[in-house]
């Protein structure tokens, strides 16, 4: 075995992929839960005003409008930090290797 060979490197990459897959599945599940909550809120609560995504995009005060609002809001709030963490974790080895 050479000095630079690490027999556990392949297992670590597999574990990292499985962890990444789990985080993405959790992200999708949370967005789906938020969209479902928006749908149910729009369906069962009366007298709601129209939601505005990012305070700019008006959505209709219907169950579908609230589902879109809930799903998009959670996707954005969780998606930006997730994308940043993923970017940093993929590029951290480049910085350490220099």
PDB file of N, CA and C in Angstrom:
ATOM      1  N   UNK A   1       0.843  -1.166   0.000  1.00  0.00           N
ATOM      2  CA  UNK A   1       0.000   0.000   0.000  1.00  0.00           C
ATOM      3  C   UNK A   1       0.892   1.235   0.000  1.00  0.00           C
ATOM      4  N   UNK A   2       0.552   2.172  -0.855  1.00  0.00           N
ATOM      5  CA  UNK A   2       1.322   3.416  -0.927  1.00  0.00           C
ATOM      6  C   UNK A   2       0.918   4.341   0.215  1.00  0.00           C
ATOM      7  N   UNK A   3       1.746   5.343   0.450  1.00  0.00           N
ATOM      8  CA  UNK A   3       1.520   6.262   1.558  1.00  0.00           C
ATOM      9  C   UNK A   3       0.218   7.033   1.389  1.00  0.00           C
ATOM     10  N   UNK A   4      -0.122   7.449   0.204  1.00  0.00           N
ATOM     11  CA  UNK A   4      -1.305   8.275  -0.031  1.00  0.00           C
ATOM     12  C   UNK A   4      -2.601   7.500  -0.136  1.00  0.00           C
ATOM     13  N   UNK A   5      -2.541   6.177  -0.138  1.00  0.00           N
ATOM     14  CA  UNK A   5      -3.752   5.372  -0.291  1.00  0.00           C
ATOM     15  C   UNK A   5      -4.518   5.297   1.026  1.00  0.00           C
ATOM     16  N   UNK A   6      -5.804   5.519   0.942  1.00  0.00           N
ATOM     17  CA  UNK A   6      -6.668   5.424   2.109  1.00  0.00           C
ATOM     18  C   UNK A   6      -7.772   4.436   1.782  1.00  0.00           C
ATOM     19  N   UNK A   7      -7.760   3.272   2.437  1.00  0.00           N
ATOM     20  CA  UNK A   7      -8.768   2.257   2.110  1.00  0.00           C
ATOM     21  C   UNK A   7     -10.185   2.673   2.511  1.00  0.00           C
ATOM     22  N   UNK A   8     -10.331   3.642   3.379  1.00  0.00           N
ATOM     23  CA  UNK A   8     -11.671   4.072   3.796  1.00  0.00           C
ATOM     24  C   UNK A   8     -12.205   5.232   2.964  1.00  0.00           C
ATOM     25  N   UNK A   9     -11.432   5.720   2.004  1.00  0.00           N
ATOM     26  CA  UNK A   9     -11.865   6.870   1.200  1.00  0.00           C
ATOM     27  C   UNK A   9     -13.121   6.556   0.400  1.00  0.00           C
ATOM     28  N   UNK A  10     -13.207   5.383  -0.171  1.00  0.00           N
ATOM     29  CA  UNK A  10     -14.394   5.005  -0.952  1.00  0.00           C
ATOM     30  C   UNK A  10     -15.633   4.930  -0.083  1.00  0.00           C
ATOM     31  N   UNK A  11     -15.495   4.387   1.124  1.00  0.00           N
ATOM     32  CA  UNK A  11     -16.627   4.300   2.044  1.00  0.00           C
ATOM     33  C   UNK A  11     -17.069   5.688   2.480  1.00  0.00           C
ATOM     34  N   UNK A  12     -16.118   6.583   2.686  1.00  0.00           N
ATOM     35  CA  UNK A  12     -16.463   7.941   3.097  1.00  0.00           C
ATOM     36  C   UNK A  12     -17.241   8.655   2.000  1.00  0.00           C
ATOM     37  N   UNK A  13     -16.848   8.448   0.746  1.00  0.00           N
ATOM     38  CA  UNK A  13     -17.580   9.077  -0.357  1.00  0.00           C
ATOM     39  C   UNK A  13     -18.988   8.520  -0.457  1.00  0.00           C
ATOM     40  N   UNK A  14     -19.143   7.222  -0.252  1.00  0.00           N
ATOM     41  CA  UNK A  14     -20.470   6.605  -0.300  1.00  0.00           C
ATOM     42  C   UNK A  14     -21.343   7.150   0.825  1.00  0.00           C
ATOM     43  N   UNK A  15     -20.772   7.266   2.029  1.00  0.00           N
ATOM     44  CA  UNK A  15     -21.529   7.812   3.154  1.00  0.00           C
ATOM     45  C   UNK A  15     -21.929   9.258   2.890  1.00  0.00           C
ATOM     46  N   UNK A  16     -21.040  10.023   2.286  1.00  0.00           N
ATOM     47  CA  UNK A  16     -21.335  11.423   1.982  1.00  0.00           C
ATOM     48  C   UNK A  16     -22.469  11.521   0.975  1.00  0.00           C
ATOM     49  N   UNK A  17     -22.461  10.653  -0.027  1.00  0.00           N
ATOM     50  CA  UNK A  17     -23.558  10.676  -1.008  1.00  0.00           C
ATOM     51  C   UNK A  17     -24.878  10.305  -0.364  1.00  0.00           C
ATOM     52  N   UNK A  18     -24.852   9.296   0.525  1.00  0.00           N
ATOM     53  CA  UNK A  18     -26.085   8.898   1.199  1.00  0.00           C
ATOM     54  C   UNK A  18     -26.585  10.009   2.115  1.00  0.00           C
ATOM     55  N   UNK A  19     -25.672  10.699   2.791  1.00  0.00           N
ATOM     56  CA  UNK A  19     -26.054  11.827   3.633  1.00  0.00           C
ATOM     57  C   UNK A  19     -26.632  12.959   2.819  1.00  0.00           C
ATOM     58  N   UNK A  20     -26.018  13.224   1.678  1.00  0.00           N
ATOM     59  CA  UNK A  20     -26.515  14.268   0.773  1.00  0.00           C
ATOM     60  C   UNK A  20     -27.912  13.918   0.274  1.00  0.00           C
ATOM     61  N   UNK A  21     -28.101  12.675  -0.092  1.00  0.00           N
ATOM     62  CA  UNK A  21     -29.409  12.226  -0.581  1.00  0.00           C
ATOM     63  C   UNK A  21     -30.466  12.375   0.514  1.00  0.00           C
ATOM     64  N   UNK A  22     -30.105  12.034   1.754  1.00  0.00           N
ATOM     65  CA  UNK A  22     -31.043  12.165   2.869  1.00  0.00           C
ATOM     66  C   UNK A  22     -31.434  13.630   3.086  1.00  0.00           C
ATOM     67  N   UNK A  23     -30.470  14.528   3.048  1.00  0.00           N
ATOM     68  CA  UNK A  23     -30.747  15.950   3.264  1.00  0.00           C
ATOM     69  C   UNK A  23     -31.658  16.480   2.165  1.00  0.00           C
ATOM     70  N   UNK A  24     -31.432  16.074   0.937  1.00  0.00           N
ATOM     71  CA  UNK A  24     -32.278  16.534  -0.169  1.00  0.00           C
ATOM     72  C   UNK A  24     -33.691  15.970  -0.036  1.00  0.00           C
ATOM     73  N   UNK A  25     -33.797  14.708   0.374  1.00  0.00           N
ATOM     74  CA  UNK A  25     -35.123  14.128   0.580  1.00  0.00           C
ATOM     75  C   UNK A  25     -35.854  14.829   1.719  1.00  0.00           C
ATOM     76  N   UNK A  26     -35.137  15.166   2.774  1.00  0.00           N
ATOM     77  CA  UNK A  26     -35.732  15.891   3.890  1.00  0.00           C
ATOM     78  C   UNK A  26     -36.191  17.281   3.440  1.00  0.00           C
ATOM     79  N   UNK A  27     -35.386  17.943   2.630  1.00  0.00           N
ATOM     80  CA  UNK A  27     -35.723  19.260   2.082  1.00  0.00           C
ATOM     81  C   UNK A  27     -37.020  19.182   1.268  1.00  0.00           C
ATOM     82  N   UNK A  28     -37.117  18.203   0.387  1.00  0.00           N
ATOM     83  CA  UNK A  28     -38.318  18.042  -0.441  1.00  0.00           C
ATOM     84  C   UNK A  28     -39.533  17.751   0.435  1.00  0.00           C
ATOM     85  N   UNK A  29     -39.351  16.925   1.460  1.00  0.00           N
ATOM     86  CA  UNK A  29     -40.464  16.602   2.359  1.00  0.00           C
ATOM     87  C   UNK A  29     -40.940  17.843   3.114  1.00  0.00           C
ATOM     88  N   UNK A  30     -40.003  18.669   3.577  1.00  0.00           N
ATOM     89  CA  UNK A  30     -40.387  19.884   4.298  1.00  0.00           C
ATOM     90  C   UNK A  30     -41.105  20.880   3.398  1.00  0.00           C
ATOM     91  N   UNK A  31     -40.680  20.996   2.158  1.00  0.00           N
ATOM     92  CA  UNK A  31     -41.365  21.873   1.209  1.00  0.00           C
ATOM     93  C   UNK A  31     -42.777  21.348   0.939  1.00  0.00           C
ATOM     94  N   UNK A  32     -42.914  20.034   0.814  1.00  0.00           N
ATOM     95  CA  UNK A  32     -44.237  19.441   0.587  1.00  0.00           C
ATOM     96  C   UNK A  32     -45.152  19.662   1.793  1.00  0.00           C
ATOM     97  N   UNK A  33     -44.612  19.551   2.997  1.00  0.00           N
ATOM     98  CA  UNK A  33     -45.412  19.796   4.206  1.00  0.00           C
ATOM     99  C   UNK A  33     -45.867  21.250   4.252  1.00  0.00           C
ATOM    100  N   UNK A  34     -44.979  22.171   3.909  1.00  0.00           N
ATOM    101  CA  UNK A  34     -45.348  23.594   3.904  1.00  0.00           C
ATOM    102  C   UNK A  34     -46.423  23.880   2.860  1.00  0.00           C
ATOM    103  N   UNK A  35     -46.308  23.278   1.694  1.00  0.00           N
ATOM    104  CA  UNK A  35     -47.318  23.474   0.653  1.00  0.00           C
ATOM    105  C   UNK A  35     -48.662  22.889   1.098  1.00  0.00           C
ATOM    106  N   UNK A  36     -48.619  21.746   1.744  1.00  0.00           N
ATOM    107  CA  UNK A  36     -49.853  21.126   2.245  1.00  0.00           C
ATOM    108  C   UNK A  36     -50.479  21.990   3.333  1.00  0.00           C
ATOM    109  N   UNK A  37     -49.645  22.534   4.213  1.00  0.00           N
ATOM    110  CA  UNK A  37     -50.170  23.417   5.259  1.00  0.00           C
ATOM    111  C   UNK A  37     -50.806  24.664   4.642  1.00  0.00           C
ATOM    112  N   UNK A  38     -50.181  25.211   3.613  1.00  0.00           N
ATOM    113  CA  UNK A  38     -50.764  26.360   2.925  1.00  0.00           C
ATOM    114  C   UNK A  38     -52.094  26.007   2.272  1.00  0.00           C
ATOM    115  N   UNK A  39     -52.151  24.855   1.659  1.00  0.00           N
ATOM    116  CA  UNK A  39     -53.390  24.396   1.023  1.00  0.00           C
ATOM    117  C   UNK A  39     -54.507  24.252   2.054  1.00  0.00           C
ATOM    118  N   UNK A  40     -54.193  23.627   3.171  1.00  0.00           N
ATOM    119  CA  UNK A  40     -55.203  23.431   4.216  1.00  0.00           C
ATOM    120  C   UNK A  40     -55.621  24.758   4.848  1.00  0.00           C
ATOM    121  N   UNK A  41     -54.669  25.658   5.022  1.00  0.00           N
ATOM    122  CA  UNK A  41     -55.005  26.977   5.571  1.00  0.00           C
ATOM    123  C   UNK A  41     -55.948  27.713   4.629  1.00  0.00           C
ATOM    124  N   UNK A  42     -55.636  27.703   3.354  1.00  0.00           N
ATOM    125  CA  UNK A  42     -56.496  28.368   2.380  1.00  0.00           C
ATOM    126  C   UNK A  42     -57.865  27.732   2.269  1.00  0.00           C
ATOM    127  N   UNK A  43     -57.947  26.441   2.532  1.00  0.00           N
ATOM    128  CA  UNK A  43     -59.215  25.735   2.393  1.00  0.00           C
ATOM    129  C   UNK A  43     -60.120  25.916   3.614  1.00  0.00           C
ATOM    130  N   UNK A  44     -59.548  26.017   4.800  1.00  0.00           N
ATOM    131  CA  UNK A  44     -60.373  25.974   6.009  1.00  0.00           C
ATOM    132  C   UNK A  44     -60.423  27.259   6.813  1.00  0.00           C
ATOM    133  N   UNK A  45     -59.609  28.247   6.492  1.00  0.00           N
ATOM    134  CA  UNK A  45     -59.641  29.516   7.233  1.00  0.00           C
ATOM    135  C   UNK A  45     -60.290  30.573   6.347  1.00  0.00           C
ATOM    136  N   UNK A  46     -61.305  31.231   6.898  1.00  0.00           N
ATOM    137  CA  UNK A  46     -62.033  32.253   6.137  1.00  0.00           C
ATOM    138  C   UNK A  46     -61.450  33.636   6.391  1.00  0.00           C
ATOM    139  N   UNK A  47     -61.638  34.521   5.435  1.00  0.00           N
ATOM    140  CA  UNK A  47     -61.268  35.918   5.596  1.00  0.00           C
ATOM    141  C   UNK A  47     -59.781  36.202   5.480  1.00  0.00           C
ATOM    142  N   UNK A  48     -59.041  35.393   4.778  1.00  0.00           N
ATOM    143  CA  UNK A  48     -57.602  35.616   4.615  1.00  0.00           C
ATOM    144  C   UNK A  48     -57.342  36.624   3.508  1.00  0.00           C
ATOM    145  N   UNK A  49     -56.331  37.445   3.705  1.00  0.00           N
ATOM    146  CA  UNK A  49     -55.940  38.365   2.633  1.00  0.00           C
ATOM    147  C   UNK A  49     -54.946  37.651   1.712  1.00  0.00           C
ATOM    148  N   UNK A  50     -54.791  38.180   0.532  1.00  0.00           N
ATOM    149  CA  UNK A  50     -53.930  37.552  -0.474  1.00  0.00           C
ATOM    150  C   UNK A  50     -52.463  37.587  -0.026  1.00  0.00           C
ATOM    151  N   UNK A  51     -51.775  36.455  -0.096  1.00  0.00           N
ATOM    152  CA  UNK A  51     -50.350  36.455   0.265  1.00  0.00           C
ATOM    153  C   UNK A  51     -49.508  37.080  -0.842  1.00  0.00           C
ATOM    154  N   UNK A  52     -48.360  37.609  -0.472  1.00  0.00           N
ATOM    155  CA  UNK A  52     -47.430  38.209  -1.445  1.00  0.00           C
ATOM    156  C   UNK A  52     -46.076  37.545  -1.238  1.00  0.00           C
ATOM    157  N   UNK A  53     -45.648  36.773  -2.213  1.00  0.00           N
ATOM    158  CA  UNK A  53     -44.354  36.099  -2.143  1.00  0.00           C
ATOM    159  C   UNK A  53     -43.242  37.137  -2.264  1.00  0.00           C
ATOM    160  N   UNK A  54     -42.327  37.135  -1.317  1.00  0.00           N
ATOM    161  CA  UNK A  54     -41.221  38.102  -1.243  1.00  0.00           C
ATOM    162  C   UNK A  54     -41.723  39.544  -1.203  1.00  0.00           C
ATOM    163  N   UNK A  55     -42.927  39.738  -0.714  1.00  0.00           N
ATOM    164  CA  UNK A  55     -43.574  41.048  -0.617  1.00  0.00           C
ATOM    165  C   UNK A  55     -43.780  41.711  -1.979  1.00  0.00           C
ATOM    166  N   UNK A  56     -43.576  40.981  -3.056  1.00  0.00           N
ATOM    167  CA  UNK A  56     -43.673  41.563  -4.396  1.00  0.00           C
ATOM    168  C   UNK A  56     -44.708  40.880  -5.277  1.00  0.00           C
ATOM    169  N   UNK A  57     -44.756  39.570  -5.244  1.00  0.00           N
ATOM    170  CA  UNK A  57     -45.592  38.798  -6.168  1.00  0.00           C
ATOM    171  C   UNK A  57     -46.916  38.461  -5.489  1.00  0.00           C
ATOM    172  N   UNK A  58     -47.996  39.099  -5.906  1.00  0.00           N
ATOM    173  CA  UNK A  58     -49.290  38.779  -5.293  1.00  0.00           C
ATOM    174  C   UNK A  58     -49.801  37.420  -5.779  1.00  0.00           C
ATOM    175  N   UNK A  59     -50.318  36.668  -4.832  1.00  0.00           N
ATOM    176  CA  UNK A  59     -50.908  35.368  -5.140  1.00  0.00           C
ATOM    177  C   UNK A  59     -52.383  35.420  -4.759  1.00  0.00           C
ATOM    178  N   UNK A  60     -53.216  34.657  -5.418  1.00  0.00           N
ATOM    179  CA  UNK A  60     -54.651  34.696  -5.097  1.00  0.00           C
ATOM    180  C   UNK A  60     -54.913  34.078  -3.716  1.00  0.00           C
ATOM    181  N   UNK A  61     -55.917  34.600  -2.997  1.00  0.00           N
ATOM    182  CA  UNK A  61     -56.237  34.050  -1.674  1.00  0.00           C
ATOM    183  C   UNK A  61     -57.071  32.773  -1.769  1.00  0.00           C
ATOM    184  N   UNK A  62     -56.567  31.824  -2.519  1.00  0.00           N
ATOM    185  CA  UNK A  62     -57.219  30.533  -2.709  1.00  0.00           C
ATOM    186  C   UNK A  62     -56.339  29.456  -2.070  1.00  0.00           C
ATOM    187  N   UNK A  63     -56.870  28.270  -1.881  1.00  0.00           N
ATOM    188  CA  UNK A  63     -56.019  27.200  -1.351  1.00  0.00           C
ATOM    189  C   UNK A  63     -54.758  26.972  -2.193  1.00  0.00           C
ATOM    190  N   UNK A  64     -54.883  27.035  -3.508  1.00  0.00           N
ATOM    191  CA  UNK A  64     -53.709  26.855  -4.368  1.00  0.00           C
ATOM    192  C   UNK A  64     -52.703  27.995  -4.192  1.00  0.00           C
ATOM    193  N   UNK A  65     -53.198  29.223  -4.061  1.00  0.00           N
ATOM    194  CA  UNK A  65     -52.321  30.366  -3.846  1.00  0.00           C
ATOM    195  C   UNK A  65     -51.535  30.239  -2.547  1.00  0.00           C
ATOM    196  N   UNK A  66     -52.203  29.786  -1.490  1.00  0.00           N
ATOM    197  CA  UNK A  66     -51.516  29.602  -0.212  1.00  0.00           C
ATOM    198  C   UNK A  66     -50.563  28.408  -0.259  1.00  0.00           C
ATOM    199  N   UNK A  67     -50.901  27.384  -1.010  1.00  0.00           N
ATOM    200  CA  UNK A  67     -49.989  26.247  -1.154  1.00  0.00           C
ATOM    201  C   UNK A  67     -48.710  26.674  -1.873  1.00  0.00           C
ATOM    202  N   UNK A  68     -48.869  27.457  -2.921  1.00  0.00           N
ATOM    203  CA  UNK A  68     -47.699  27.963  -3.658  1.00  0.00           C
ATOM    204  C   UNK A  68     -46.865  28.858  -2.753  1.00  0.00           C
ATOM    205  N   UNK A  69     -47.525  29.732  -2.009  1.00  0.00           N
ATOM    206  CA  UNK A  69     -46.820  30.633  -1.107  1.00  0.00           C
ATOM    207  C   UNK A  69     -46.034  29.855  -0.048  1.00  0.00           C
ATOM    208  N   UNK A  70     -46.672  28.883   0.589  1.00  0.00           N
ATOM    209  CA  UNK A  70     -45.996  28.095   1.625  1.00  0.00           C
ATOM    210  C   UNK A  70     -44.831  27.286   1.069  1.00  0.00           C
ATOM    211  N   UNK A  71     -45.056  26.634  -0.058  1.00  0.00           N
ATOM    212  CA  UNK A  71     -43.996  25.826  -0.653  1.00  0.00           C
ATOM    213  C   UNK A  71     -42.817  26.660  -1.114  1.00  0.00           C
ATOM    214  N   UNK A  72     -43.094  27.764  -1.797  1.00  0.00           N
ATOM    215  CA  UNK A  72     -42.005  28.616  -2.289  1.00  0.00           C
ATOM    216  C   UNK A  72     -41.235  29.280  -1.153  1.00  0.00           C
ATOM    217  N   UNK A  73     -41.944  29.716  -0.125  1.00  0.00           N
ATOM    218  CA  UNK A  73     -41.276  30.379   0.993  1.00  0.00           C
ATOM    219  C   UNK A  73     -40.327  29.429   1.711  1.00  0.00           C
ATOM    220  N   UNK A  74     -40.792  28.237   2.026  1.00  0.00           N
ATOM    221  CA  UNK A  74     -39.929  27.266   2.714  1.00  0.00           C
ATOM    222  C   UNK A  74     -38.803  26.815   1.790  1.00  0.00           C
ATOM    223  N   UNK A  75     -39.095  26.632   0.509  1.00  0.00           N
ATOM    224  CA  UNK A  75     -38.046  26.236  -0.435  1.00  0.00           C
ATOM    225  C   UNK A  75     -36.938  27.281  -0.482  1.00  0.00           C
ATOM    226  N   UNK A  76     -37.307  28.535  -0.459  1.00  0.00           N
ATOM    227  CA  UNK A  76     -36.313  29.606  -0.510  1.00  0.00           C
ATOM    228  C   UNK A  76     -35.553  29.736   0.815  1.00  0.00           C
ATOM    229  N   UNK A  77     -36.281  29.731   1.924  1.00  0.00           N
ATOM    230  CA  UNK A  77     -35.655  29.910   3.239  1.00  0.00           C
ATOM    231  C   UNK A  77     -34.712  28.759   3.578  1.00  0.00           C
ATOM    232  N   UNK A  78     -35.067  27.553   3.205  1.00  0.00           N
ATOM    233  CA  UNK A  78     -34.184  26.403   3.465  1.00  0.00           C
ATOM    234  C   UNK A  78     -33.204  26.155   2.319  1.00  0.00           C
ATOM    235  N   UNK A  79     -33.584  26.512   1.117  1.00  0.00           N
ATOM    236  CA  UNK A  79     -32.771  26.197  -0.054  1.00  0.00           C
ATOM    237  C   UNK A  79     -31.499  27.016  -0.166  1.00  0.00           C
ATOM    238  N   UNK A  80     -31.555  28.281   0.180  1.00  0.00           N
ATOM    239  CA  UNK A  80     -30.357  29.126   0.083  1.00  0.00           C
ATOM    240  C   UNK A  80     -29.265  28.659   1.041  1.00  0.00           C
ATOM    241  N   UNK A  81     -29.560  28.471   2.343  1.00  0.00           N
ATOM    242  CA  UNK A  81     -28.499  27.951   3.217  1.00  0.00           C
ATOM    243  C   UNK A  81     -28.018  26.560   2.812  1.00  0.00           C
ATOM    244  N   UNK A  82     -28.927  25.708   2.360  1.00  0.00           N
ATOM    245  CA  UNK A  82     -28.534  24.371   1.923  1.00  0.00           C
ATOM    246  C   UNK A  82     -27.587  24.445   0.735  1.00  0.00           C
ATOM    247  N   UNK A  83     -27.881  25.310  -0.208  1.00  0.00           N
ATOM    248  CA  UNK A  83     -26.999  25.466  -1.375  1.00  0.00           C
ATOM    249  C   UNK A  83     -25.634  26.007  -0.958  1.00  0.00           C
ATOM    250  N   UNK A  84     -25.602  26.933  -0.018  1.00  0.00           N
ATOM    251  CA  UNK A  84     -24.328  27.472   0.458  1.00  0.00           C
ATOM    252  C   UNK A  84     -23.498  26.420   1.179  1.00  0.00           C
ATOM    253  N   UNK A  85     -24.139  25.632   2.030  1.00  0.00           N
ATOM    254  CA  UNK A  85     -23.424  24.566   2.738  1.00  0.00           C
ATOM    255  C   UNK A  85     -22.888  23.546   1.745  1.00  0.00           C
ATOM    256  N   UNK A  86     -23.680  23.190   0.772  1.00  0.00           N
ATOM    257  CA  UNK A  86     -23.233  22.220  -0.225  1.00  0.00           C
ATOM    258  C   UNK A  86     -22.046  22.767  -1.023  1.00  0.00           C
ATOM    259  N   UNK A  87     -22.105  24.043  -1.409  1.00  0.00           N
ATOM    260  CA  UNK A  87     -21.013  24.658  -2.154  1.00  0.00           C
ATOM    261  C   UNK A  87     -19.726  24.658  -1.333  1.00  0.00           C
ATOM    262  N   UNK A  88     -19.833  25.059  -0.084  1.00  0.00           N
ATOM    263  CA  UNK A  88     -18.651  25.111   0.773  1.00  0.00           C
ATOM    264  C   UNK A  88     -18.096  23.710   1.012  1.00  0.00           C
ATOM    265  N   UNK A  89     -18.958  22.745   1.256  1.00  0.00           N
ATOM    266  CA  UNK A  89     -18.480  21.393   1.542  1.00  0.00           C
ATOM    267  C   UNK A  89     -17.804  20.761   0.318  1.00  0.00           C
ATOM    268  N   UNK A  90     -18.227  21.120  -0.859  1.00  0.00           N
ATOM    269  CA  UNK A  90     -17.596  20.579  -2.062  1.00  0.00           C
ATOM    270  C   UNK A  90     -16.274  21.266  -2.357  1.00  0.00           C
ATOM    271  N   UNK A  91     -16.118  22.508  -1.943  1.00  0.00           N
ATOM    272  CA  UNK A  91     -14.919  23.262  -2.271  1.00  0.00           C
ATOM    273  C   UNK A  91     -13.936  23.407  -1.114  1.00  0.00           C
ATOM    274  N   UNK A  92     -14.237  22.865   0.050  1.00  0.00           N
ATOM    275  CA  UNK A  92     -13.349  23.004   1.208  1.00  0.00           C
ATOM    276  C   UNK A  92     -12.053  22.223   0.981  1.00  0.00           C
ATOM    277  N   UNK A  93     -12.103  21.114   0.281  1.00  0.00           N
ATOM    278  CA  UNK A  93     -10.894  20.325   0.023  1.00  0.00           C
ATOM    279  C   UNK A  93      -9.923  21.098  -0.852  1.00  0.00           C
ATOM    280  N   UNK A  94     -10.419  21.924  -1.755  1.00  0.00           N
ATOM    281  CA  UNK A  94      -9.551  22.726  -2.610  1.00  0.00           C
ATOM    282  C   UNK A  94      -8.722  23.706  -1.791  1.00  0.00           C
ATOM    283  N   UNK A  95      -9.310  24.301  -0.774  1.00  0.00           N
ATOM    284  CA  UNK A  95      -8.618  25.271   0.060  1.00  0.00           C
ATOM    285  C   UNK A  95      -7.613  24.576   0.980  1.00  0.00           C
ATOM    286  N   UNK A  96      -8.005  23.437   1.548  1.00  0.00           N
ATOM    287  CA  UNK A  96      -7.114  22.708   2.453  1.00  0.00           C
ATOM    288  C   UNK A  96      -5.920  22.130   1.723  1.00  0.00           C
ATOM    289  N   UNK A  97      -6.062  21.810   0.457  1.00  0.00           N
ATOM    290  CA  UNK A  97      -4.983  21.194  -0.310  1.00  0.00           C
ATOM    291  C   UNK A  97      -3.898  22.162  -0.731  1.00  0.00           C
ATOM    292  N   UNK A  98      -4.131  23.439  -0.605  1.00  0.00           N
ATOM    293  CA  UNK A  98      -3.151  24.434  -1.072  1.00  0.00           C
ATOM    294  C   UNK A  98      -2.098  24.717  -0.037  1.00  0.00           C
TER     295      UNK A  98
END
